[in-house]
Amino acid sequence: MKIGILETGHLSDTLKAKYGRYPAFFQRLVGPHLPEAAFFTVAIVDGEVAESPQQADGWIITGSRSGAYENEPWIPPLETFLRDCLKAHVPVVGICFGHQILAQAMGGEVVNSDKGWGVGLHDYTLTARPSWIEGMDTGFTIPAIHQDQVAKAPEGAQVFAQSDFCPIAGLVYGDPDKPDAFSIQPHPEMSAAFVADIAEERLQHIIPAETMQPALKTLAKPGDQAAWGKSIAGFFRQATAGR
């Protein structure tokens, strides 16, 4: 199995030296639960272009500092590519920016939310539980770092995860038990240590202290990152079965 990672953002040199580039986060998250997979990266943010949806058996879209609605030259081609993937039934997973850009590509709406920043460990409710989700019965807790949100889901997409702060926190496209794609707003690939480091380096300069300080305290709680690693692996296995 080949999994392509669509890299849509960069970390600082300091964070990259400690944690690697964004694709490395997903290899650490999913790889142990999907040992048959070989991962490769297409650096969309640097102008690289995937050959075709069939270049991989499945795709992951990373997070980004860019907004889905911004005038970045790589965003329209990425949207076209994602529509082509879903049309060809090549499975896609979108995380944070990936959640937003997939929704926008399929006709949804992404906005800079007037709720402000969501950061730290957030709790989410599962409003549906597709069969590929493992280790999470009614909800999950993982890190969030975002101000943009999906404000309107695309036609045909089903909300399967939500919170008071983020009502459209998870979307499935197609049959929930064997969808063409799914996406979530929070970051299962991020550890509490990474969130603390990026907060110290960058976020504390743009997020008000009254939001940031309580958010950092949540990082002491356990999260469900490992369960999401298993679930993403299960999604790819289920979506590619019989091919």
Protein backbone atom coordinates (compact mmCIF):
# COMPACT_ATOMS: atom_id res chain seq x y z
CA MET A 1 0.00 0.00 0.00
CA LYS A 2 1.27 3.47 -0.89
CA ILE A 3 0.09 6.48 1.12
CA GLY A 4 0.83 9.93 -0.28
CA ILE A 5 1.10 12.84 2.13
CA LEU A 6 0.12 16.20 0.66
CA GLU A 7 2.31 18.65 2.58
CA THR A 8 0.57 22.03 2.76
CA GLY A 9 2.58 23.82 5.45
CA HIS A 10 6.03 24.32 6.98
CA LEU A 11 7.38 24.40 10.50
CA SER A 12 10.18 26.64 11.71
CA ASP A 13 13.72 25.28 11.46
CA THR A 14 13.79 24.87 15.25
CA LEU A 15 10.62 22.78 15.39
CA LYS A 16 11.58 20.87 12.25
CA ALA A 17 14.92 19.90 13.79
CA LYS A 18 13.14 18.52 16.84
CA TYR A 19 10.04 16.92 15.28
CA GLY A 20 10.63 16.66 11.53
CA ARG A 21 8.39 18.02 8.79
CA TYR A 22 4.62 17.58 8.93
CA PRO A 23 4.66 14.31 6.93
CA ALA A 24 6.84 12.73 9.62
CA PHE A 25 4.08 13.37 12.17
CA PHE A 26 1.66 11.26 10.14
CA GLN A 27 4.17 8.48 9.57
CA ARG A 28 4.66 8.28 13.33
CA LEU A 29 0.90 8.34 13.94
CA VAL A 30 -0.27 5.87 11.30
CA GLY A 31 2.80 3.86 10.35
CA PRO A 32 2.93 1.56 13.43
CA HIS A 33 -0.69 0.53 12.76
CA LEU A 34 -0.28 0.18 8.99
CA PRO A 35 3.05 -1.62 8.57
CA GLU A 36 2.23 -2.64 5.00
CA ALA A 37 2.20 1.02 3.91
CA ALA A 38 5.01 2.95 2.25
CA PHE A 39 4.69 6.71 2.71
CA PHE A 40 5.83 9.41 0.34
CA THR A 41 5.44 13.19 0.31
CA VAL A 42 4.24 15.65 -2.30
CA ALA A 43 5.21 19.14 -1.10
CA ILE A 44 2.17 20.99 -2.43
CA VAL A 45 3.17 24.10 -0.48
CA ASP A 46 6.44 24.22 -2.43
CA GLY A 47 4.74 23.89 -5.81
CA GLU A 48 5.03 20.14 -6.27
CA VAL A 49 2.10 18.44 -7.98
CA ALA A 50 0.84 14.89 -7.57
CA GLU A 51 0.89 12.88 -10.79
CA SER A 52 -2.67 11.58 -10.44
CA PRO A 53 -5.00 10.28 -7.72
CA GLN A 54 -3.82 6.75 -8.60
CA GLN A 55 -0.20 7.61 -7.72
CA ALA A 56 -1.15 6.46 -4.21
CA ASP A 57 -3.62 4.03 -2.70
CA GLY A 58 -4.68 6.80 -0.35
CA TRP A 59 -3.83 10.39 0.55
CA ILE A 60 -3.42 12.48 3.70
CA ILE A 61 -3.65 16.29 3.67
CA THR A 62 -1.64 18.00 6.41
CA GLY A 63 -2.24 21.16 8.38
CA SER A 64 -1.09 24.58 7.19
CA ARG A 65 -0.65 28.16 8.35
CA SER A 66 -2.56 29.22 5.23
CA GLY A 67 -6.31 29.66 5.11
CA ALA A 68 -8.28 27.61 2.60
CA TYR A 69 -9.81 30.84 1.30
CA GLU A 70 -6.47 32.63 0.82
CA ASN A 71 -5.00 33.50 -2.57
CA GLU A 72 -2.23 30.91 -2.58
CA PRO A 73 -1.29 29.66 -6.07
CA TRP A 74 -1.21 26.02 -4.96
CA ILE A 75 -4.73 26.00 -3.47
CA PRO A 76 -6.90 25.82 -6.66
CA PRO A 77 -4.86 22.92 -8.15
CA LEU A 78 -5.07 21.11 -4.81
CA GLU A 79 -8.86 21.50 -4.77
CA THR A 80 -9.07 20.09 -8.30
CA PHE A 81 -6.87 17.16 -7.29
CA LEU A 82 -9.04 16.38 -4.27
CA ARG A 83 -12.21 16.42 -6.36
CA ASP A 84 -10.49 14.04 -8.78
CA CYS A 85 -9.57 11.72 -5.89
CA LEU A 86 -13.14 11.50 -4.66
CA LYS A 87 -14.45 11.04 -8.19
CA ALA A 88 -12.01 8.17 -8.66
CA HIS A 89 -12.80 6.72 -5.19
CA VAL A 90 -9.18 7.05 -4.05
CA PRO A 91 -9.44 7.51 -0.26
CA VAL A 92 -8.46 10.81 1.34
CA VAL A 93 -7.92 11.87 4.95
CA GLY A 94 -7.86 15.59 5.78
CA ILE A 95 -6.53 17.04 9.04
CA CYS A 96 -7.14 20.65 10.19
CA PHE A 97 -6.36 22.65 7.02
CA GLY A 98 -6.90 19.36 5.21
CA HIS A 99 -10.39 19.17 6.74
CA GLN A 100 -11.11 22.71 5.60
CA ILE A 101 -9.69 22.52 2.07
CA LEU A 102 -11.47 19.24 1.35
CA ALA A 103 -14.78 20.75 2.46
CA GLN A 104 -14.17 23.87 0.37
CA ALA A 105 -13.15 21.82 -2.68
CA MET A 106 -16.41 19.87 -2.46
CA GLY A 107 -18.63 22.95 -2.16
CA GLY A 108 -18.57 23.73 1.56
CA GLU A 109 -17.66 27.01 3.21
CA VAL A 110 -14.64 27.85 5.36
CA VAL A 111 -14.49 31.03 7.46
CA ASN A 112 -12.26 32.77 9.96
CA SER A 113 -14.49 32.07 12.95
CA ASP A 114 -15.66 34.84 15.24
CA LYS A 115 -15.26 32.33 18.10
CA GLY A 116 -11.54 33.03 17.99
CA TRP A 117 -8.76 30.53 18.56
CA GLY A 118 -9.24 26.95 19.64
CA VAL A 119 -6.01 25.60 21.14
CA GLY A 120 -5.02 22.87 23.59
CA LEU A 121 -6.76 19.56 24.17
CA HIS A 122 -10.40 19.70 23.09
CA ASP A 123 -13.18 17.20 23.72
CA TYR A 124 -15.32 16.07 20.78
CA THR A 125 -18.53 14.07 20.59
CA LEU A 126 -19.02 11.35 18.00
CA THR A 127 -22.45 11.95 16.48
CA ALA A 128 -21.94 8.84 14.35
CA ARG A 129 -19.46 6.00 14.77
CA PRO A 130 -18.25 4.56 11.45
CA SER A 131 -16.98 0.98 11.65
CA TRP A 132 -13.33 1.97 11.00
CA ILE A 133 -13.15 4.05 14.20
CA GLU A 134 -11.28 2.16 16.91
CA GLY A 135 -10.96 2.76 20.63
CA MET A 136 -13.45 5.64 20.78
CA ASP A 137 -17.05 4.92 21.70
CA THR A 138 -18.82 8.23 22.20
CA GLY A 139 -16.10 10.84 21.76
CA PHE A 140 -12.41 11.69 21.80
CA THR A 141 -9.89 14.21 23.10
CA ILE A 142 -7.01 15.48 20.95
CA PRO A 143 -5.15 18.76 20.37
CA ALA A 144 -6.62 21.62 18.38
CA ILE A 145 -4.87 24.66 16.92
CA HIS A 146 -7.16 26.68 14.69
CA GLN A 147 -9.21 29.80 14.19
CA ASP A 148 -10.68 28.91 10.78
CA GLN A 149 -13.61 26.49 10.74
CA VAL A 150 -15.84 24.75 8.26
CA ALA A 151 -19.03 26.81 8.52
CA LYS A 152 -21.07 24.87 5.96
CA ALA A 153 -20.63 21.21 5.12
CA PRO A 154 -20.61 20.18 1.45
CA GLU A 155 -23.71 18.53 0.07
CA GLY A 156 -23.50 14.79 0.62
CA ALA A 157 -20.99 15.01 3.48
CA GLN A 158 -22.09 13.85 6.94
CA VAL A 159 -20.94 15.40 10.22
CA PHE A 160 -19.67 12.64 12.52
CA ALA A 161 -17.81 14.67 15.15
CA GLN A 162 -18.54 17.99 16.83
CA SER A 163 -17.96 20.18 19.86
CA ASP A 164 -19.54 23.34 21.19
CA PHE A 165 -16.57 25.30 19.85
CA CYS A 166 -16.46 23.50 16.51
CA PRO A 167 -19.84 22.13 15.36
CA ILE A 168 -18.42 20.67 12.13
CA ALA A 169 -15.34 18.95 13.55
CA GLY A 170 -15.52 15.76 11.49
CA LEU A 171 -16.95 14.93 8.06
CA VAL A 172 -17.36 11.72 6.09
CA TYR A 173 -17.91 11.68 2.34
CA GLY A 174 -20.02 8.82 1.00
CA ASP A 175 -21.00 5.68 2.90
CA PRO A 176 -19.80 6.32 6.49
CA ASP A 177 -18.60 2.73 6.86
CA LYS A 178 -16.62 2.84 3.61
CA PRO A 179 -16.37 6.52 2.67
CA ASP A 180 -14.36 8.04 -0.14
CA ALA A 181 -12.88 10.46 2.39
CA PHE A 182 -13.06 11.68 5.94
CA SER A 183 -11.62 14.69 7.71
CA ILE A 184 -11.33 16.14 11.19
CA GLN A 185 -10.53 19.64 12.41
CA PRO A 186 -8.22 18.78 15.36
CA HIS A 187 -4.72 17.28 15.22
CA PRO A 188 -4.32 13.59 16.15
CA GLU A 189 -0.75 13.71 14.82
CA MET A 190 0.38 16.28 17.41
CA SER A 191 1.72 15.44 20.86
CA ALA A 192 1.16 17.60 23.91
CA ALA A 193 4.89 18.41 23.88
CA PHE A 194 4.71 19.71 20.32
CA VAL A 195 1.66 21.87 21.08
CA ALA A 196 3.50 23.36 24.06
CA ASP A 197 6.58 24.04 21.92
CA ILE A 198 4.72 25.67 19.04
CA ALA A 199 2.72 27.71 21.55
CA GLU A 200 5.92 29.02 23.12
CA GLU A 201 7.54 29.74 19.76
CA ARG A 202 4.69 31.25 17.80
CA LEU A 203 1.15 31.00 19.16
CA GLN A 204 1.63 33.05 22.31
CA HIS A 205 2.41 36.03 20.09
CA ILE A 206 -0.91 35.82 18.27
CA ILE A 207 -3.31 34.23 20.78
CA PRO A 208 -4.42 36.27 23.82
CA ALA A 209 -3.00 35.13 27.16
CA GLU A 210 -6.49 34.64 28.59
CA THR A 211 -7.04 31.99 25.91
CA MET A 212 -3.55 30.53 25.82
CA GLN A 213 -2.89 29.95 29.54
CA PRO A 214 -5.97 27.77 30.23
CA ALA A 215 -5.34 25.94 26.94
CA LEU A 216 -1.81 24.99 27.94
CA LYS A 217 -3.07 23.54 31.23
CA THR A 218 -5.25 21.08 29.31
CA LEU A 219 -2.15 19.44 27.83
CA ALA A 220 -1.65 17.49 31.05
CA LYS A 221 -4.73 15.39 30.25
CA PRO A 222 -4.41 12.11 28.28
CA GLY A 223 -5.44 12.25 24.63
CA ASP A 224 -6.70 9.80 22.03
CA GLN A 225 -3.95 10.23 19.45
CA ALA A 226 -3.09 6.51 19.39
CA ALA A 227 -6.73 5.59 18.80
CA TRP A 228 -6.77 7.93 15.81
CA GLY A 229 -3.61 6.33 14.45
CA LYS A 230 -5.41 2.97 14.54
CA SER A 231 -8.57 4.48 13.06
CA ILE A 232 -6.81 6.13 10.13
CA ALA A 233 -5.03 2.85 9.42
CA GLY A 234 -8.37 1.04 9.61
CA PHE A 235 -9.94 3.55 7.26
CA PHE A 236 -7.27 3.00 4.61
CA ARG A 237 -7.47 -0.79 4.94
CA GLN A 238 -11.24 -0.77 4.67
CA ALA A 239 -11.33 1.76 1.82
CA THR A 240 -8.80 -0.18 -0.27
CA ALA A 241 -10.04 -3.70 0.48
CA GLY A 242 -10.70 -5.70 -2.67
CA ARG A 243 -8.79 -3.38 -4.97
